[in-house]
N, C-alpha and C. Protein backbone atom coordinates (compact mmCIF):
# COMPACT_ATOMS: atom_id res chain seq x y z
N UNK A 1 0.84 -1.19 0.00
CA UNK A 1 0.00 0.00 0.00
C UNK A 1 0.87 1.25 0.00
N UNK A 2 0.53 2.18 -0.84
CA UNK A 2 1.30 3.42 -0.94
C UNK A 2 0.88 4.39 0.17
N UNK A 3 1.89 4.94 0.83
CA UNK A 3 1.62 5.90 1.90
C UNK A 3 0.93 7.15 1.36
N UNK A 4 0.01 7.68 2.14
CA UNK A 4 -0.73 8.87 1.74
C UNK A 4 -0.19 10.14 2.42
N UNK A 5 0.50 9.97 3.56
CA UNK A 5 1.00 11.12 4.31
C UNK A 5 2.50 10.93 4.58
N UNK A 6 3.20 12.02 4.91
CA UNK A 6 4.62 11.88 5.26
C UNK A 6 4.83 10.90 6.43
N UNK A 7 3.99 10.95 7.46
CA UNK A 7 4.18 10.04 8.60
C UNK A 7 4.05 8.58 8.16
N UNK A 8 3.06 8.27 7.33
CA UNK A 8 2.92 6.90 6.81
C UNK A 8 4.15 6.51 6.00
N UNK A 9 4.66 7.45 5.20
CA UNK A 9 5.85 7.19 4.40
C UNK A 9 7.02 6.81 5.31
N UNK A 10 7.24 7.62 6.38
CA UNK A 10 8.36 7.34 7.29
C UNK A 10 8.18 5.99 7.98
N UNK A 11 6.95 5.69 8.39
CA UNK A 11 6.69 4.45 9.14
C UNK A 11 6.75 3.20 8.28
N UNK A 12 6.18 3.28 7.06
CA UNK A 12 5.99 2.07 6.27
C UNK A 12 6.97 1.90 5.12
N UNK A 13 7.37 3.01 4.49
CA UNK A 13 8.16 2.87 3.27
C UNK A 13 9.66 3.09 3.45
N UNK A 14 10.03 4.02 4.33
CA UNK A 14 11.45 4.32 4.49
C UNK A 14 12.26 3.06 4.84
N UNK A 15 11.79 2.22 5.79
CA UNK A 15 12.60 1.03 6.10
C UNK A 15 12.87 0.14 4.88
N UNK A 16 11.90 0.02 3.99
CA UNK A 16 12.06 -0.82 2.79
C UNK A 16 12.90 -0.15 1.71
N UNK A 17 12.85 1.18 1.63
CA UNK A 17 13.56 1.92 0.58
C UNK A 17 15.01 2.22 0.92
N UNK A 18 15.33 2.26 2.21
CA UNK A 18 16.65 2.70 2.65
C UNK A 18 17.75 1.77 2.12
N UNK A 19 18.83 2.38 1.60
CA UNK A 19 19.97 1.62 1.05
C UNK A 19 21.21 1.94 1.89
N UNK A 20 21.48 1.16 2.94
CA UNK A 20 22.58 1.48 3.85
C UNK A 20 23.95 1.53 3.16
N UNK A 21 24.12 0.78 2.08
CA UNK A 21 25.41 0.78 1.38
C UNK A 21 25.74 2.14 0.78
N UNK A 22 24.73 2.99 0.61
CA UNK A 22 24.95 4.32 0.02
C UNK A 22 25.42 5.35 1.05
N UNK A 23 25.43 5.01 2.32
CA UNK A 23 25.79 5.97 3.37
C UNK A 23 26.90 5.44 4.27
N UNK A 24 27.85 4.70 3.69
CA UNK A 24 28.91 4.07 4.48
C UNK A 24 29.69 5.05 5.34
N UNK A 25 30.08 6.17 4.79
CA UNK A 25 30.94 7.10 5.54
C UNK A 25 30.18 8.35 5.98
N UNK A 26 28.87 8.25 6.06
CA UNK A 26 28.07 9.44 6.38
C UNK A 26 27.51 9.37 7.79
N UNK A 27 27.68 10.46 8.49
CA UNK A 27 26.98 10.69 9.75
C UNK A 27 26.34 12.05 9.61
N UNK A 28 25.02 12.10 9.71
CA UNK A 28 24.33 13.37 9.49
C UNK A 28 22.99 13.39 10.19
N UNK A 29 22.56 14.60 10.47
CA UNK A 29 21.22 14.82 11.02
C UNK A 29 20.53 15.85 10.13
N UNK A 30 19.37 15.47 9.64
CA UNK A 30 18.60 16.38 8.79
C UNK A 30 17.30 16.74 9.50
N UNK A 31 17.02 18.01 9.52
CA UNK A 31 15.76 18.49 10.09
C UNK A 31 14.79 18.71 8.95
N UNK A 32 13.67 18.03 8.98
CA UNK A 32 12.67 18.13 7.93
C UNK A 32 11.45 18.85 8.48
N UNK A 33 11.12 19.99 7.88
CA UNK A 33 9.95 20.76 8.29
C UNK A 33 8.98 20.79 7.12
N UNK A 34 7.85 20.14 7.30
CA UNK A 34 6.84 20.08 6.25
C UNK A 34 5.63 20.90 6.67
N UNK A 35 5.22 21.80 5.78
CA UNK A 35 4.05 22.62 6.06
C UNK A 35 2.83 21.96 5.42
N UNK A 36 1.65 22.34 5.86
CA UNK A 36 0.43 21.80 5.28
C UNK A 36 -0.30 20.91 6.28
N UNK A 37 -1.47 20.42 5.89
CA UNK A 37 -2.33 19.66 6.80
C UNK A 37 -1.70 18.38 7.34
N UNK A 38 -0.82 17.75 6.57
CA UNK A 38 -0.14 16.53 7.02
C UNK A 38 1.32 16.80 7.35
N UNK A 39 1.63 18.06 7.58
CA UNK A 39 3.01 18.46 7.84
C UNK A 39 3.42 18.19 9.28
N UNK A 40 4.60 18.71 9.59
CA UNK A 40 5.16 18.53 10.92
C UNK A 40 6.67 18.63 10.84
N UNK A 41 7.31 18.36 11.96
CA UNK A 41 8.77 18.39 12.04
C UNK A 41 9.28 16.98 12.34
N UNK A 42 10.28 16.57 11.56
CA UNK A 42 10.90 15.27 11.78
C UNK A 42 12.41 15.44 11.76
N UNK A 43 13.09 14.62 12.54
CA UNK A 43 14.54 14.58 12.53
C UNK A 43 14.97 13.25 11.94
N UNK A 44 15.79 13.34 10.89
CA UNK A 44 16.30 12.16 10.20
C UNK A 44 17.78 12.04 10.56
N UNK A 45 18.15 10.91 11.13
CA UNK A 45 19.55 10.70 11.53
C UNK A 45 20.13 9.51 10.78
N UNK A 46 21.33 9.73 10.23
CA UNK A 46 22.08 8.63 9.60
C UNK A 46 23.35 8.46 10.41
N UNK A 47 23.55 7.26 10.94
CA UNK A 47 24.75 6.96 11.71
C UNK A 47 24.99 5.45 11.65
N UNK A 48 26.23 5.06 11.45
CA UNK A 48 26.60 3.64 11.38
C UNK A 48 25.74 2.87 10.37
N UNK A 49 25.49 3.49 9.21
CA UNK A 49 24.71 2.90 8.13
C UNK A 49 23.27 2.58 8.53
N UNK A 50 22.76 3.29 9.52
CA UNK A 50 21.37 3.12 9.93
C UNK A 50 20.67 4.46 9.80
N UNK A 51 19.39 4.42 9.47
CA UNK A 51 18.61 5.63 9.33
C UNK A 51 17.46 5.57 10.32
N UNK A 52 17.28 6.66 11.05
CA UNK A 52 16.12 6.73 11.94
C UNK A 52 15.38 8.04 11.67
N UNK A 53 14.08 7.99 11.82
CA UNK A 53 13.23 9.17 11.65
C UNK A 53 12.37 9.28 12.89
N UNK A 54 12.48 10.42 13.59
CA UNK A 54 11.65 10.65 14.77
C UNK A 54 10.96 12.01 14.64
N UNK A 55 9.78 12.09 15.18
CA UNK A 55 9.04 13.35 15.15
C UNK A 55 9.72 14.32 16.10
N UNK A 56 9.87 15.55 15.68
CA UNK A 56 10.47 16.55 16.54
C UNK A 56 11.55 17.36 15.84
N UNK A 57 12.14 18.28 16.60
CA UNK A 57 13.13 19.22 16.06
C UNK A 57 14.49 18.96 16.68
N UNK A 58 15.52 18.93 15.85
CA UNK A 58 16.89 18.83 16.33
C UNK A 58 17.47 20.24 16.41
N UNK A 59 18.10 20.60 17.52
CA UNK A 59 18.60 21.97 17.67
C UNK A 59 19.79 22.32 16.76
N UNK A 60 20.55 21.33 16.33
CA UNK A 60 21.71 21.65 15.48
C UNK A 60 21.90 20.61 14.38
N UNK A 61 20.98 20.61 13.40
CA UNK A 61 21.10 19.63 12.32
C UNK A 61 22.21 19.97 11.33
N UNK A 62 22.69 18.95 10.63
CA UNK A 62 23.66 19.12 9.56
C UNK A 62 22.99 19.81 8.38
N UNK A 63 21.70 19.56 8.25
CA UNK A 63 20.93 20.00 7.09
C UNK A 63 19.50 20.29 7.54
N UNK A 64 18.92 21.37 7.03
CA UNK A 64 17.52 21.68 7.30
C UNK A 64 16.79 21.77 5.96
N UNK A 65 15.67 21.06 5.87
CA UNK A 65 14.88 21.01 4.64
C UNK A 65 13.47 21.47 4.96
N UNK A 66 12.96 22.41 4.17
CA UNK A 66 11.60 22.90 4.38
C UNK A 66 10.85 22.87 3.06
N UNK A 67 9.63 22.31 3.11
CA UNK A 67 8.77 22.27 1.93
C UNK A 67 7.36 21.92 2.38
N UNK A 68 6.42 21.94 1.45
CA UNK A 68 5.05 21.55 1.80
C UNK A 68 4.95 20.03 1.85
N UNK A 69 3.99 19.54 2.62
CA UNK A 69 3.77 18.09 2.69
C UNK A 69 3.42 17.53 1.31
N UNK A 70 2.67 18.31 0.52
CA UNK A 70 2.28 17.89 -0.82
C UNK A 70 3.50 17.73 -1.74
N UNK A 71 4.42 18.71 -1.70
CA UNK A 71 5.63 18.63 -2.53
C UNK A 71 6.51 17.46 -2.08
N UNK A 72 6.59 17.24 -0.77
CA UNK A 72 7.38 16.12 -0.26
C UNK A 72 6.84 14.80 -0.83
N UNK A 73 5.53 14.62 -0.77
CA UNK A 73 4.95 13.38 -1.28
C UNK A 73 5.15 13.26 -2.79
N UNK A 74 5.09 14.39 -3.53
CA UNK A 74 5.37 14.35 -4.97
C UNK A 74 6.80 13.90 -5.24
N UNK A 75 7.74 14.34 -4.40
CA UNK A 75 9.14 13.94 -4.57
C UNK A 75 9.31 12.45 -4.28
N UNK A 76 8.78 11.96 -3.16
CA UNK A 76 8.96 10.55 -2.84
C UNK A 76 8.19 9.64 -3.79
N UNK A 77 7.15 10.17 -4.41
CA UNK A 77 6.38 9.41 -5.42
C UNK A 77 6.98 9.58 -6.81
N UNK A 78 8.06 10.35 -6.91
CA UNK A 78 8.76 10.60 -8.17
C UNK A 78 7.88 11.31 -9.20
N UNK A 79 6.92 12.11 -8.72
CA UNK A 79 6.12 12.95 -9.61
C UNK A 79 6.86 14.25 -9.89
N UNK A 80 7.84 14.56 -9.02
CA UNK A 80 8.67 15.75 -9.18
C UNK A 80 10.06 15.41 -8.64
N UNK A 81 11.09 15.85 -9.33
CA UNK A 81 12.44 15.58 -8.84
C UNK A 81 12.80 16.57 -7.73
N UNK A 82 13.64 16.14 -6.82
CA UNK A 82 14.11 17.03 -5.74
C UNK A 82 14.85 18.21 -6.34
N UNK A 83 15.57 17.97 -7.43
CA UNK A 83 16.31 19.05 -8.10
C UNK A 83 15.36 20.10 -8.65
N UNK A 84 14.29 19.65 -9.30
CA UNK A 84 13.31 20.60 -9.84
C UNK A 84 12.66 21.38 -8.69
N UNK A 85 12.33 20.69 -7.62
CA UNK A 85 11.72 21.35 -6.46
C UNK A 85 12.66 22.43 -5.92
N UNK A 86 13.95 22.12 -5.86
CA UNK A 86 14.93 23.08 -5.35
C UNK A 86 15.03 24.29 -6.27
N UNK A 87 15.16 24.04 -7.57
CA UNK A 87 15.37 25.14 -8.52
C UNK A 87 14.12 25.97 -8.77
N UNK A 88 12.95 25.44 -8.42
CA UNK A 88 11.72 26.21 -8.57
C UNK A 88 11.26 26.81 -7.25
N UNK A 89 12.09 26.68 -6.22
CA UNK A 89 11.79 27.31 -4.93
C UNK A 89 10.79 26.57 -4.07
N UNK A 90 10.44 25.34 -4.43
CA UNK A 90 9.47 24.57 -3.66
C UNK A 90 10.10 23.92 -2.44
N UNK A 91 11.42 23.78 -2.48
CA UNK A 91 12.13 23.18 -1.35
C UNK A 91 13.24 24.15 -0.94
N UNK A 92 13.36 24.37 0.35
CA UNK A 92 14.42 25.23 0.86
C UNK A 92 15.38 24.35 1.66
N UNK A 93 16.66 24.48 1.35
CA UNK A 93 17.68 23.68 2.03
C UNK A 93 18.71 24.62 2.63
N UNK A 94 19.00 24.39 3.91
CA UNK A 94 20.06 25.13 4.59
C UNK A 94 21.05 24.11 5.11
N UNK A 95 22.32 24.39 4.90
CA UNK A 95 23.33 23.46 5.40
C UNK A 95 24.02 22.73 4.28
N UNK A 96 24.45 21.52 4.56
CA UNK A 96 25.28 20.73 3.66
C UNK A 96 24.44 20.07 2.56
N UNK A 97 24.53 20.62 1.35
CA UNK A 97 23.77 20.10 0.21
C UNK A 97 24.21 18.67 -0.12
N UNK A 98 25.47 18.34 0.10
CA UNK A 98 25.97 16.97 -0.17
C UNK A 98 25.19 15.95 0.65
N UNK A 99 24.79 16.33 1.86
CA UNK A 99 23.99 15.42 2.70
C UNK A 99 22.63 15.19 2.06
N UNK A 100 22.04 16.23 1.49
CA UNK A 100 20.75 16.08 0.80
C UNK A 100 20.87 15.09 -0.36
N UNK A 101 21.97 15.19 -1.09
CA UNK A 101 22.19 14.27 -2.21
C UNK A 101 22.38 12.84 -1.72
N UNK A 102 23.05 12.68 -0.58
CA UNK A 102 23.24 11.35 0.00
C UNK A 102 21.90 10.76 0.47
N UNK A 103 21.05 11.61 1.04
CA UNK A 103 19.72 11.14 1.45
C UNK A 103 18.94 10.64 0.24
N UNK A 104 19.08 11.35 -0.86
CA UNK A 104 18.41 10.94 -2.10
C UNK A 104 18.96 9.59 -2.58
N UNK A 105 20.29 9.46 -2.61
CA UNK A 105 20.93 8.21 -3.03
C UNK A 105 20.51 7.03 -2.13
N UNK A 106 20.33 7.33 -0.86
CA UNK A 106 20.02 6.28 0.11
C UNK A 106 18.54 5.86 0.08
N UNK A 107 17.72 6.55 -0.72
CA UNK A 107 16.33 6.17 -0.87
C UNK A 107 15.38 6.93 0.01
N UNK A 108 15.88 7.99 0.69
CA UNK A 108 14.99 8.74 1.57
C UNK A 108 14.19 9.79 0.82
N UNK A 109 14.82 10.48 -0.10
CA UNK A 109 14.11 11.53 -0.87
C UNK A 109 13.94 11.07 -2.32
């Protein structure tokens, strides 16, 4: 079953999509802020080739990502590329862009 909300995506799909081999030398914390009716704040942590997603705000993330819940779901459903979202202003990224690319490679975005 395809997730309908970001929370369902994190709970049901991220564990199956995650590719630990793509994050061998990465340790990062990404703060994800999604606006909209199914939005919220999540902290995504990659450490020791494991990915965890918890609801809440990290005070000092490596990367901060802000977008609407709708755009986030379009990206994970591959209806819109993360690159297009970035260049059209639909996604705002602060911090280490390389980490964002690694999250994409690892199957998170």
